[in-house]
C-alpha atoms as a PDB file:
ATOM      1  CA  MET A   1     164.210  99.355 279.111  1.00  0.00           C
ATOM      2  CA  GLY A   2     163.335  95.652 279.899  1.00  0.00           C
ATOM      3  CA  VAL A   3     166.677  94.479 279.571  1.00  0.00           C
ATOM      4  CA  CYS A   4     168.478  97.020 281.757  1.00  0.00           C
ATOM      5  CA  ALA A   5     166.117  96.393 284.761  1.00  0.00           C
ATOM      6  CA  ILE A   6     166.985  92.304 284.285  1.00  0.00           C
ATOM      7  CA  ILE A   7     170.261  93.530 284.291  1.00  0.00           C
ATOM      8  CA  TYR A   8     169.988  95.727 287.611  1.00  0.00           C
ATOM      9  CA  TYR A   9     167.656  93.042 289.143  1.00  0.00           C
ATOM     10  CA  LEU A  10     170.441  90.493 288.685  1.00  0.00           C
ATOM     11  CA  ILE A  11     173.333  92.633 289.754  1.00  0.00           C
ATOM     12  CA  ASP A  12     171.213  93.818 292.753  1.00  0.00           C
ATOM     13  CA  ILE A  13     170.591  90.391 294.135  1.00  0.00           C
ATOM     14  CA  GLU A  14     174.331  89.615 293.722  1.00  0.00           C
ATOM     15  CA  GLN A  15     175.495  92.719 295.238  1.00  0.00           C
ATOM     16  CA  LYS A  16     173.129  92.100 298.463  1.00  0.00           C
ATOM     17  CA  LEU A  17     174.367  88.623 298.912  1.00  0.00           C
ATOM     18  CA  GLU A  18     178.078  89.566 298.318  1.00  0.00           C
ATOM     19  CA  GLU A  19     177.858  92.792 300.991  1.00  0.00           C
ATOM     20  CA  ASP A  20     176.363  89.992 303.829  1.00  0.00           C
ATOM     21  CA  HIS A  21     178.882  87.352 302.808  1.00  0.00           C
ATOM     22  CA  ALA A  22     176.254  84.850 301.960  1.00  0.00           C
ATOM     23  CA  ILE A  23     177.704  83.582 298.585  1.00  0.00           C
ATOM     24  CA  THR A  24     181.122  81.630 298.378  1.00  0.00           C
ATOM     25  CA  LYS A  25     183.557  82.309 294.820  1.00  0.00           C
ATOM     26  CA  ILE A  26     181.943  79.296 293.382  1.00  0.00           C
ATOM     27  CA  VAL A  27     178.326  80.038 293.929  1.00  0.00           C
ATOM     28  CA  ARG A  28     179.224  83.591 292.631  1.00  0.00           C
ATOM     29  CA  ILE A  29     180.626  82.602 289.614  1.00  0.00           C
ATOM     30  CA  PHE A  30     177.936  80.232 288.962  1.00  0.00           C
ATOM     31  CA  MET A  31     175.480  83.071 289.469  1.00  0.00           C
ATOM     32  CA  VAL A  32     177.361  85.107 286.951  1.00  0.00           C
ATOM     33  CA  VAL A  33     177.175  82.606 284.268  1.00  0.00           C
ATOM     34  CA  ILE A  34     173.395  82.524 284.994  1.00  0.00           C
ATOM     35  CA  ASP A  35     173.138  86.417 284.863  1.00  0.00           C
ATOM     36  CA  VAL A  36     175.531  86.795 281.510  1.00  0.00           C
ATOM     37  CA  PHE A  37     173.059  83.711 279.928  1.00  0.00           C
ATOM     38  CA  TYR A  38     169.839  85.223 280.716  1.00  0.00           C
ATOM     39  CA  ILE A  39     171.180  88.847 279.789  1.00  0.00           C
ATOM     40  CA  VAL A  40     172.229  87.598 276.215  1.00  0.00           C
ATOM     41  CA  PHE A  41     169.034  85.844 275.664  1.00  0.00           C
ATOM     42  CA  SER A  42     167.142  88.704 276.849  1.00  0.00           C
ATOM     43  CA  VAL A  43     169.228  90.936 274.524  1.00  0.00           C
ATOM     44  CA  ILE A  44     168.590  88.487 271.486  1.00  0.00           C
ATOM     45  CA  LEU A  45     164.954  88.414 272.449  1.00  0.00           C
ATOM     46  CA  ALA A  46     164.631  91.938 272.385  1.00  0.00           C
ATOM     47  CA  PHE A  47     165.527  92.352 268.450  1.00  0.00           C
ATOM     48  CA  VAL A  48     163.711  88.807 267.895  1.00  0.00           C
ATOM     49  CA  ASN A  49     160.447  88.824 269.825  1.00  0.00           C
ATOM     50  CA  VAL A  50     159.625  91.457 272.373  1.00  0.00           C
ATOM     51  CA  ASP A  51     156.946  89.262 273.722  1.00  0.00           C
ATOM     52  CA  LEU A  52     159.018  86.627 275.026  1.00  0.00           C
ATOM     53  CA  LEU A  53     161.499  89.563 276.214  1.00  0.00           C
ATOM     54  CA  LEU A  54     158.394  90.614 278.220  1.00  0.00           C
ATOM     55  CA  ARG A  55     157.702  87.590 279.788  1.00  0.00           C
ATOM     56  CA  LEU A  56     161.628  87.424 280.759  1.00  0.00           C
ATOM     57  CA  PHE A  57     161.505  90.449 282.578  1.00  0.00           C
ATOM     58  CA  GLY A  58     158.195  89.488 284.117  1.00  0.00           C
ATOM     59  CA  ILE A  59     159.876  86.420 285.503  1.00  0.00           C
ATOM     60  CA  ALA A  60     163.133  88.250 286.664  1.00  0.00           C
ATOM     61  CA  GLY A  61     160.684  91.315 288.392  1.00  0.00           C
ATOM     62  CA  SER A  62     158.802  88.332 290.193  1.00  0.00           C
ATOM     63  CA  GLY A  63     161.858  86.592 291.121  1.00  0.00           C
ATOM     64  CA  TYR A  64     163.309  90.283 292.665  1.00  0.00           C
ATOM     65  CA  LEU A  65     160.194  91.146 294.480  1.00  0.00           C
ATOM     66  CA  GLY A  66     160.501  87.824 296.168  1.00  0.00           C
ATOM     67  CA  PHE A  67     164.465  88.157 297.138  1.00  0.00           C
ATOM     68  CA  LYS A  68     163.591  91.734 298.241  1.00  0.00           C
ATOM     69  CA  SER A  69     160.392  91.124 300.471  1.00  0.00           C
ATOM     70  CA  TYR A  70     162.849  88.389 302.053  1.00  0.00           C
ATOM     71  CA  GLN A  71     165.764  90.968 302.421  1.00  0.00           C
ATOM     72  CA  LEU A  72     163.012  93.608 303.958  1.00  0.00           C
ATOM     73  CA  VAL A  73     161.966  91.037 306.764  1.00  0.00           C
ATOM     74  CA  ARG A  74     165.752  89.643 307.361  1.00  0.00           C
ATOM     75  CA  GLU A  75     167.485  92.930 307.455  1.00  0.00           C
ATOM     76  CA  GLY A  76     164.674  95.196 308.530  1.00  0.00           C
ATOM     77  CA  ILE A  77     162.813  93.505 310.777  1.00  0.00           C
ATOM     78  CA  LEU A  78     164.920  90.815 312.038  1.00  0.00           C
ATOM     79  CA  ASN A  79     168.365  92.906 312.053  1.00  0.00           C
ATOM     80  CA  LYS A  80     170.371  89.906 310.624  1.00  0.00           C
ATOM     81  CA  LYS A  81     172.114  89.218 307.469  1.00  0.00           C
ATOM     82  CA  LEU A  82     171.223  87.600 304.364  1.00  0.00           C
ATOM     83  CA  LYS A  83     171.150  83.711 303.694  1.00  0.00           C
ATOM     84  CA  LEU A  84     172.468  82.212 300.680  1.00  0.00           C
ATOM     85  CA  ALA A  85     169.550  79.455 301.266  1.00  0.00           C
ATOM     86  CA  ASP A  86     166.497  81.426 302.165  1.00  0.00           C
ATOM     87  CA  SER A  87     167.563  83.857 299.501  1.00  0.00           C
ATOM     88  CA  LEU A  88     167.551  81.596 296.608  1.00  0.00           C
ATOM     89  CA  VAL A  89     164.166  79.927 298.513  1.00  0.00           C
ATOM     90  CA  ALA A  90     162.651  83.370 298.259  1.00  0.00           C
ATOM     91  CA  THR A  91     163.437  84.177 294.565  1.00  0.00           C
ATOM     92  CA  PHE A  92     162.085  80.845 293.452  1.00  0.00           C
ATOM     93  CA  LEU A  93     158.990  81.595 295.529  1.00  0.00           C
ATOM     94  CA  GLY A  94     158.715  84.442 293.261  1.00  0.00           C
ATOM     95  CA  ILE A  95     159.672  82.910 290.002  1.00  0.00           C
ATOM     96  CA  PHE A  96     157.682  79.621 290.187  1.00  0.00           C
ATOM     97  CA  PRO A  97     154.707  81.053 290.275  1.00  0.00           C
ATOM     98  CA  ALA A  98     155.344  83.558 287.735  1.00  0.00           C
ATOM     99  CA  ILE A  99     156.314  80.915 285.127  1.00  0.00           C
ATOM    100  CA  LEU A 100     153.209  79.151 285.875  1.00  0.00           C
ATOM    101  CA  LEU A 101     150.843  82.016 285.203  1.00  0.00           C
ATOM    102  CA  ILE A 102     152.802  82.932 282.131  1.00  0.00           C
ATOM    103  CA  ILE A 103     151.819  79.359 281.056  1.00  0.00           C
ATOM    104  CA  TYR A 104     148.388  79.640 281.789  1.00  0.00           C
ATOM    105  CA  ALA A 105     146.925  83.268 281.846  1.00  0.00           C
ATOM    106  CA  PHE A 106     149.721  85.589 280.180  1.00  0.00           C
ATOM    107  CA  ILE A 107     147.061  88.613 281.102  1.00  0.00           C
ATOM    108  CA  ALA A 108     146.414  87.203 284.492  1.00  0.00           C
ATOM    109  CA  PHE A 109     150.609  87.470 285.240  1.00  0.00           C
ATOM    110  CA  TRP A 110     150.456  91.146 284.499  1.00  0.00           C
ATOM    111  CA  ILE A 111     147.595  91.780 287.088  1.00  0.00           C
ATOM    112  CA  ILE A 112     149.093  89.426 289.940  1.00  0.00           C
ATOM    113  CA  LEU A 113     152.509  90.752 289.066  1.00  0.00           C
ATOM    114  CA  LEU A 114     151.251  94.272 289.496  1.00  0.00           C
ATOM    115  CA  ALA A 115     149.437  93.191 293.034  1.00  0.00           C
ATOM    116  CA  LEU A 116     152.838  91.565 294.180  1.00  0.00           C
ATOM    117  CA  THR A 117     154.142  94.976 293.205  1.00  0.00           C
ATOM    118  CA  LEU A 118     151.853  97.250 295.341  1.00  0.00           C
ATOM    119  CA  LEU A 119     151.935  94.439 298.166  1.00  0.00           C
ATOM    120  CA  TYR A 120     155.846  94.887 298.072  1.00  0.00           C
ATOM    121  CA  ASN A 121     155.132  98.812 298.195  1.00  0.00           C
ATOM    122  CA  LEU A 122     152.663  98.311 301.079  1.00  0.00           C
ATOM    123  CA  ILE A 123     155.313  95.821 303.444  1.00  0.00           C
ATOM    124  CA  HIS A 124     158.132  98.189 302.613  1.00  0.00           C
ATOM    125  CA  LEU A 125     156.020 101.182 304.036  1.00  0.00           C
ATOM    126  CA  ILE A 126     155.267  99.215 306.809  1.00  0.00           C
ATOM    127  CA  VAL A 127     159.032  98.270 307.644  1.00  0.00           C
ATOM    128  CA  ARG A 128     160.151 101.876 307.227  1.00  0.00           C
ATOM    129  CA  ILE A 129     157.628 103.029 309.833  1.00  0.00           C
ATOM    130  CA  LYS A 130     158.534 100.101 311.993  1.00  0.00           C
ATOM    131  CA  ILE A 131     162.055 100.837 311.945  1.00  0.00           C
ATOM    132  CA  GLU A 132     161.479 104.727 312.289  1.00  0.00           C
ATOM    133  CA  ARG A 133     159.642 103.954 315.606  1.00  0.00           C
ATOM    134  CA  GLY A 134     161.163 101.241 316.937  1.00  0.00           C
ATOM    135  CA  PRO A 135     164.609  99.590 318.554  1.00  0.00           C
ATOM    136  CA  THR A 136     165.534  97.859 314.870  1.00  0.00           C
ATOM    137  CA  ASN A 137     167.983  98.343 312.261  1.00  0.00           C
ATOM    138  CA  ARG A 138     168.188 102.095 311.385  1.00  0.00           C
ATOM    139  CA  GLN A 139     170.987 101.585 308.814  1.00  0.00           C
ATOM    140  CA  PHE A 140     168.474  99.741 306.461  1.00  0.00           C
END
């Protein structure tokens, strides 16, 4: 299930960037290579060490939350297309603290990831209410 979630996260990020024409063909190929490596490594860990798979799942989930938060603000509130550089920064801001937390405190990592998920859901709810009531991007 964790491997399926990782695959979904990586494909969703790539699709959103492609829809907004934020990536070039070379960057897309580079992202596909990294995605394939991450997926193969995750599948191998699913059979070898489930603990490391959970860590990879948590890191991918943190990066995905960073990207989705950026997407909510950019497309939902600002009504603008995604930019590659900003998307990568937002994803990295989700991944970097996750790696540090996994290195130092594995239990605290899952608690903080749960808190970030709840915060993302709160931001999503606020953006939906703002979109429904104001003159913003209703297609989002």
